[in-house]
Structures are given as structure tokens and as C-alpha cells.
Amino acid sequence: MSAPPVVLNTDGRPLPYLCRAAAYPLNEVRAIPLGAHDATSPRLALRWLRERTRHITDQLDAAYARPGLHWLTDEAEHERALAYLTGGTGYQLTLYDESTRYVLLAYPAGATP
């Protein structure tokens, strides 16, 4: 397997992958930030997405947590996420409960989220 292409900034360091999580309550104007992280590789960005997904699903009722719990064990989907990130495209996971939409995303610096 070949190494993914690495985008360098002007001082020669790899640009980070930006990872963000937010809650969007229904009938609210603003999002509630749930975490942010800058990862140095697609794998580390995916690891952060998994951790935040686990944190969010731990707080949801079982029925609403099920899609996130499935995603946590879906290796094929994780490989797809890595392919997107490695190729320079962002990846987004959205979970819901009765009153809130939870959006988790990772994308290479310089890409549009």
C-alpha cells in the first residue's frame, strides 16, 4: 500500500486534518460545539471521529444510538472515510435524536468542509 499524498504548508510541515463535532438543536439558531481537533493524518482524523462518535452515542437513548454504534463497527465505511480523506475530500457523519442533529466531520486543511 502506498503512502497517501501529503500536502505541505510553506514551512514544510504537513497540513492538518481538521476534525469538528457540533450539535444542532431543533428550533435553535446556533450550533453547540462538541469538540475540535487537528490531526496530522487521515487515520488519526478517523480515530478522533470514532472517539467522538462513541462519546455521543454513550449519551443517546438506545434507539438513537444504534446508527452510531453500527458505524463504529463498520470497517468498510471506515475504509471509505480514509479513502475520502486521503484523496483530499472531507467526510461527515450525522446522528439524530428527537431534538438534535449531531454532525461530526473531518477534512484536510484547505478543503471546504
N, C-alpha and C. Protein backbone atom coordinates (compact mmCIF):
# COMPACT_ATOMS: atom_id res chain seq x y z
N MET A 1 0.85 -1.17 0.00
CA MET A 1 0.00 0.00 0.00
C MET A 1 0.90 1.23 0.00
N SER A 2 0.64 2.15 -0.87
CA SER A 2 1.45 3.36 -0.94
C SER A 2 0.99 4.38 0.09
N ALA A 3 1.90 5.25 0.45
CA ALA A 3 1.58 6.30 1.43
C ALA A 3 0.69 7.33 0.77
N PRO A 4 -0.23 7.91 1.53
CA PRO A 4 -1.11 8.94 0.96
C PRO A 4 -0.32 10.19 0.62
N PRO A 5 -0.78 10.95 -0.35
CA PRO A 5 -0.11 12.20 -0.64
C PRO A 5 -0.24 13.14 0.55
N VAL A 6 0.82 13.85 0.83
CA VAL A 6 0.82 14.78 1.97
C VAL A 6 0.96 16.19 1.43
N VAL A 7 0.06 17.04 1.83
CA VAL A 7 0.12 18.45 1.44
C VAL A 7 0.98 19.17 2.47
N LEU A 8 1.96 19.93 2.00
CA LEU A 8 2.85 20.65 2.90
C LEU A 8 2.51 22.12 2.91
N ASN A 9 2.67 22.73 4.08
CA ASN A 9 2.50 24.18 4.12
C ASN A 9 3.85 24.82 3.81
N THR A 10 3.95 26.11 3.89
CA THR A 10 5.15 26.81 3.45
C THR A 10 6.39 26.49 4.27
N ASP A 11 6.24 26.02 5.50
CA ASP A 11 7.43 25.67 6.27
C ASP A 11 7.75 24.18 6.22
N GLY A 12 7.10 23.43 5.31
CA GLY A 12 7.45 22.04 5.08
C GLY A 12 6.73 21.03 5.97
N ARG A 13 5.90 21.49 6.89
CA ARG A 13 5.16 20.55 7.74
C ARG A 13 3.85 20.15 7.07
N PRO A 14 3.38 18.91 7.32
CA PRO A 14 2.09 18.51 6.75
C PRO A 14 0.97 19.39 7.29
N LEU A 15 0.05 19.73 6.43
CA LEU A 15 -1.14 20.46 6.88
C LEU A 15 -2.04 19.48 7.63
N PRO A 16 -2.71 19.93 8.64
CA PRO A 16 -3.54 19.02 9.44
C PRO A 16 -4.86 18.68 8.77
N TYR A 17 -5.45 17.66 9.30
CA TYR A 17 -6.84 17.32 9.01
C TYR A 17 -7.65 17.93 10.13
N LEU A 18 -8.63 18.72 9.77
CA LEU A 18 -9.45 19.40 10.76
C LEU A 18 -10.64 18.52 11.11
N CYS A 19 -10.87 18.32 12.38
CA CYS A 19 -11.96 17.47 12.87
C CYS A 19 -12.87 18.32 13.74
N ARG A 20 -14.17 18.22 13.51
CA ARG A 20 -15.12 19.03 14.25
C ARG A 20 -16.36 18.22 14.58
N ALA A 21 -16.96 18.52 15.71
CA ALA A 21 -18.25 17.94 16.08
C ALA A 21 -19.12 19.04 16.66
N ALA A 22 -20.40 19.01 16.31
CA ALA A 22 -21.32 20.03 16.80
C ALA A 22 -22.72 19.44 16.90
N ALA A 23 -23.49 19.99 17.82
CA ALA A 23 -24.90 19.64 17.96
C ALA A 23 -25.73 20.79 17.42
N TYR A 24 -26.76 20.45 16.69
CA TYR A 24 -27.68 21.43 16.12
C TYR A 24 -29.07 21.16 16.67
N PRO A 25 -29.43 21.79 17.79
CA PRO A 25 -30.77 21.59 18.35
C PRO A 25 -31.84 22.15 17.41
N LEU A 26 -32.96 21.45 17.36
CA LEU A 26 -34.08 21.95 16.57
C LEU A 26 -34.54 23.28 17.15
N ASN A 27 -34.98 24.15 16.31
CA ASN A 27 -35.51 25.46 16.72
C ASN A 27 -34.47 26.36 17.38
N GLU A 28 -33.20 26.08 17.16
CA GLU A 28 -32.12 26.94 17.67
C GLU A 28 -31.41 27.56 16.49
N VAL A 29 -30.87 28.72 16.68
CA VAL A 29 -30.17 29.43 15.62
C VAL A 29 -28.72 28.99 15.52
N ARG A 30 -28.11 28.69 16.64
CA ARG A 30 -26.68 28.39 16.65
C ARG A 30 -26.40 26.93 16.97
N ALA A 31 -25.24 26.47 16.47
CA ALA A 31 -24.75 25.14 16.80
C ALA A 31 -24.05 25.17 18.15
N ILE A 32 -23.99 24.02 18.79
CA ILE A 32 -23.25 23.87 20.04
C ILE A 32 -22.01 23.06 19.73
N PRO A 33 -20.81 23.65 19.84
CA PRO A 33 -19.59 22.89 19.55
C PRO A 33 -19.42 21.75 20.55
N LEU A 34 -19.08 20.57 20.05
CA LEU A 34 -18.86 19.41 20.89
C LEU A 34 -17.41 18.95 20.87
N GLY A 35 -16.58 19.64 20.14
CA GLY A 35 -15.17 19.28 20.12
C GLY A 35 -14.53 19.63 18.81
N ALA A 36 -13.23 19.84 18.86
CA ALA A 36 -12.44 20.15 17.68
C ALA A 36 -11.05 19.57 17.89
N HIS A 37 -10.44 19.15 16.79
CA HIS A 37 -9.11 18.55 16.87
C HIS A 37 -8.44 18.70 15.51
N ASP A 38 -7.14 18.89 15.51
CA ASP A 38 -6.35 18.88 14.28
C ASP A 38 -5.50 17.63 14.29
N ALA A 39 -5.68 16.77 13.30
CA ALA A 39 -4.94 15.52 13.19
C ALA A 39 -3.91 15.65 12.08
N THR A 40 -2.81 14.93 12.20
CA THR A 40 -1.74 15.02 11.20
C THR A 40 -1.85 13.98 10.10
N SER A 41 -2.85 13.09 10.19
CA SER A 41 -3.02 12.07 9.16
C SER A 41 -4.49 11.69 9.05
N PRO A 42 -4.88 11.08 7.94
CA PRO A 42 -6.26 10.63 7.80
C PRO A 42 -6.64 9.60 8.88
N ARG A 43 -5.72 8.70 9.22
CA ARG A 43 -6.01 7.68 10.24
C ARG A 43 -6.26 8.31 11.61
N LEU A 44 -5.49 9.33 11.94
CA LEU A 44 -5.70 10.00 13.22
C LEU A 44 -7.00 10.79 13.22
N ALA A 45 -7.36 11.35 12.08
CA ALA A 45 -8.65 12.04 11.97
C ALA A 45 -9.79 11.05 12.16
N LEU A 46 -9.69 9.87 11.54
CA LEU A 46 -10.71 8.85 11.70
C LEU A 46 -10.78 8.37 13.15
N ARG A 47 -9.64 8.23 13.79
CA ARG A 47 -9.62 7.83 15.20
C ARG A 47 -10.40 8.84 16.04
N TRP A 48 -10.18 10.13 15.78
CA TRP A 48 -10.91 11.17 16.52
C TRP A 48 -12.41 11.06 16.27
N LEU A 49 -12.80 10.85 14.99
CA LEU A 49 -14.22 10.70 14.68
C LEU A 49 -14.83 9.53 15.45
N ARG A 50 -14.10 8.43 15.54
CA ARG A 50 -14.59 7.26 16.30
C ARG A 50 -14.77 7.61 17.77
N GLU A 51 -13.78 8.27 18.35
CA GLU A 51 -13.87 8.63 19.78
C GLU A 51 -15.06 9.54 20.05
N ARG A 52 -15.22 10.56 19.22
CA ARG A 52 -16.34 11.49 19.44
C ARG A 52 -17.68 10.79 19.20
N THR A 53 -17.75 9.92 18.20
CA THR A 53 -18.97 9.17 17.95
C THR A 53 -19.31 8.31 19.16
N ARG A 54 -18.31 7.66 19.74
CA ARG A 54 -18.53 6.85 20.94
C ARG A 54 -19.05 7.72 22.08
N HIS A 55 -18.46 8.90 22.27
CA HIS A 55 -18.92 9.79 23.33
C HIS A 55 -20.38 10.21 23.13
N ILE A 56 -20.73 10.53 21.90
CA ILE A 56 -22.09 10.97 21.61
C ILE A 56 -23.08 9.82 21.77
N THR A 57 -22.76 8.64 21.21
CA THR A 57 -23.69 7.52 21.31
C THR A 57 -23.87 7.07 22.75
N ASP A 58 -22.85 7.23 23.58
CA ASP A 58 -22.97 6.88 25.00
C ASP A 58 -24.03 7.71 25.70
N GLN A 59 -24.34 8.88 25.16
CA GLN A 59 -25.29 9.79 25.80
C GLN A 59 -26.69 9.75 25.18
N LEU A 60 -26.84 8.99 24.10
CA LEU A 60 -28.14 8.90 23.43
C LEU A 60 -28.93 7.71 23.93
N ASP A 61 -30.26 7.80 23.83
CA ASP A 61 -31.09 6.64 24.10
C ASP A 61 -30.74 5.55 23.10
N ALA A 62 -30.97 4.30 23.48
CA ALA A 62 -30.54 3.15 22.68
C ALA A 62 -30.99 3.21 21.21
N ALA A 63 -32.23 3.56 20.97
CA ALA A 63 -32.73 3.59 19.60
C ALA A 63 -31.99 4.62 18.75
N TYR A 64 -31.67 5.76 19.32
CA TYR A 64 -30.97 6.81 18.58
C TYR A 64 -29.47 6.52 18.47
N ALA A 65 -28.94 5.76 19.41
CA ALA A 65 -27.52 5.42 19.40
C ALA A 65 -27.19 4.33 18.37
N ARG A 66 -28.18 3.52 18.01
CA ARG A 66 -27.94 2.37 17.13
C ARG A 66 -27.19 2.71 15.84
N PRO A 67 -27.55 3.74 15.08
CA PRO A 67 -26.80 4.03 13.85
C PRO A 67 -25.32 4.37 14.13
N GLY A 68 -25.07 5.11 15.20
CA GLY A 68 -23.69 5.44 15.55
C GLY A 68 -22.91 4.22 16.00
N LEU A 69 -23.56 3.35 16.76
CA LEU A 69 -22.91 2.11 17.20
C LEU A 69 -22.60 1.21 16.02
N HIS A 70 -23.51 1.18 15.05
CA HIS A 70 -23.25 0.41 13.83
C HIS A 70 -22.04 1.00 13.08
N TRP A 71 -22.02 2.31 12.96
CA TRP A 71 -20.91 2.97 12.25
C TRP A 71 -19.57 2.64 12.93
N LEU A 72 -19.56 2.58 14.25
CA LEU A 72 -18.32 2.30 14.98
C LEU A 72 -17.73 0.93 14.63
N THR A 73 -18.55 -0.01 14.18
CA THR A 73 -18.06 -1.35 13.86
C THR A 73 -18.00 -1.62 12.36
N ASP A 74 -18.31 -0.63 11.55
CA ASP A 74 -18.38 -0.80 10.10
C ASP A 74 -17.02 -0.52 9.45
N GLU A 75 -16.19 -1.55 9.36
CA GLU A 75 -14.83 -1.39 8.82
C GLU A 75 -14.84 -0.93 7.37
N ALA A 76 -15.79 -1.39 6.58
CA ALA A 76 -15.86 -0.96 5.17
C ALA A 76 -16.11 0.55 5.09
N GLU A 77 -16.97 1.06 5.96
CA GLU A 77 -17.24 2.50 5.96
C GLU A 77 -16.02 3.28 6.44
N HIS A 78 -15.28 2.73 7.38
CA HIS A 78 -14.05 3.39 7.85
C HIS A 78 -13.03 3.47 6.71
N GLU A 79 -12.93 2.41 5.92
CA GLU A 79 -12.02 2.44 4.77
C GLU A 79 -12.46 3.47 3.75
N ARG A 80 -13.76 3.59 3.57
CA ARG A 80 -14.29 4.61 2.65
C ARG A 80 -13.96 6.00 3.17
N ALA A 81 -14.11 6.23 4.47
CA ALA A 81 -13.76 7.52 5.07
C ALA A 81 -12.28 7.82 4.86
N LEU A 82 -11.43 6.82 5.08
CA LEU A 82 -9.99 7.02 4.86
C LEU A 82 -9.69 7.36 3.41
N ALA A 83 -10.38 6.71 2.49
CA ALA A 83 -10.16 6.99 1.07
C ALA A 83 -10.55 8.43 0.75
N TYR A 84 -11.67 8.90 1.28
CA TYR A 84 -12.07 10.29 1.08
C TYR A 84 -11.02 11.25 1.61
N LEU A 85 -10.62 11.03 2.86
CA LEU A 85 -9.67 11.94 3.50
C LEU A 85 -8.32 11.93 2.78
N THR A 86 -7.85 10.76 2.43
CA THR A 86 -6.58 10.64 1.73
C THR A 86 -6.64 11.31 0.36
N GLY A 87 -7.80 11.23 -0.27
CA GLY A 87 -7.98 11.85 -1.58
C GLY A 87 -8.24 13.35 -1.54
N GLY A 88 -8.27 13.92 -0.33
CA GLY A 88 -8.45 15.37 -0.22
C GLY A 88 -9.88 15.82 -0.05
N THR A 89 -10.79 14.88 0.20
CA THR A 89 -12.20 15.19 0.40
C THR A 89 -12.56 14.99 1.86
N GLY A 90 -13.49 15.78 2.35
CA GLY A 90 -13.94 15.64 3.73
C GLY A 90 -14.89 14.46 3.90
N TYR A 91 -15.11 14.09 5.14
CA TYR A 91 -16.03 13.00 5.49
C TYR A 91 -16.92 13.50 6.62
N GLN A 92 -18.22 13.21 6.52
CA GLN A 92 -19.18 13.67 7.53
C GLN A 92 -20.05 12.51 7.98
N LEU A 93 -20.31 12.47 9.28
CA LEU A 93 -21.24 11.53 9.89
C LEU A 93 -22.28 12.35 10.64
N THR A 94 -23.56 12.05 10.42
CA THR A 94 -24.64 12.78 11.09
C THR A 94 -25.50 11.79 11.86
N LEU A 95 -25.73 12.09 13.12
CA LEU A 95 -26.59 11.30 14.00
C LEU A 95 -27.74 12.19 14.47
N TYR A 96 -28.83 11.56 14.86
CA TYR A 96 -30.03 12.31 15.27
C TYR A 96 -30.60 11.73 16.55
N ASP A 97 -31.27 12.57 17.29
CA ASP A 97 -32.23 12.11 18.29
C ASP A 97 -33.49 12.94 18.09
N GLU A 98 -34.43 12.88 19.02
CA GLU A 98 -35.72 13.54 18.78
C GLU A 98 -35.62 15.07 18.70
N SER A 99 -34.56 15.65 19.23
CA SER A 99 -34.50 17.11 19.26
C SER A 99 -33.20 17.71 18.73
N THR A 100 -32.25 16.87 18.31
CA THR A 100 -30.94 17.40 17.94
C THR A 100 -30.32 16.60 16.80
N ARG A 101 -29.59 17.31 15.96
CA ARG A 101 -28.78 16.69 14.91
C ARG A 101 -27.33 16.85 15.33
N TYR A 102 -26.55 15.76 15.32
CA TYR A 102 -25.14 15.77 15.69
C TYR A 102 -24.32 15.56 14.43
N VAL A 103 -23.44 16.49 14.14
CA VAL A 103 -22.62 16.41 12.93
C VAL A 103 -21.16 16.29 13.32
N LEU A 104 -20.52 15.24 12.82
CA LEU A 104 -19.10 15.02 13.03
C LEU A 104 -18.45 15.03 11.66
N LEU A 105 -17.37 15.78 11.52
CA LEU A 105 -16.72 15.82 10.22
C LEU A 105 -15.21 15.96 10.36
N ALA A 106 -14.54 15.51 9.32
CA ALA A 106 -13.09 15.65 9.22
C ALA A 106 -12.80 16.01 7.76
N TYR A 107 -11.82 16.90 7.59
CA TYR A 107 -11.47 17.31 6.24
C TYR A 107 -10.04 17.85 6.24
N PRO A 108 -9.35 17.72 5.11
CA PRO A 108 -7.99 18.25 5.03
C PRO A 108 -8.02 19.77 5.10
N ALA A 109 -7.02 20.35 5.76
CA ALA A 109 -6.90 21.81 5.80
C ALA A 109 -6.85 22.32 4.36
N GLY A 110 -7.56 23.38 4.13
CA GLY A 110 -7.61 23.94 2.78
C GLY A 110 -8.79 23.46 1.98
N ALA A 111 -9.40 22.34 2.38
CA ALA A 111 -10.60 21.85 1.70
C ALA A 111 -11.81 22.55 2.31
N THR A 112 -12.87 22.61 1.54
CA THR A 112 -14.11 23.20 2.04
C THR A 112 -14.86 22.13 2.83
N PRO A 113 -15.25 22.43 4.09
CA PRO A 113 -15.96 21.42 4.88
C PRO A 113 -17.36 21.16 4.35
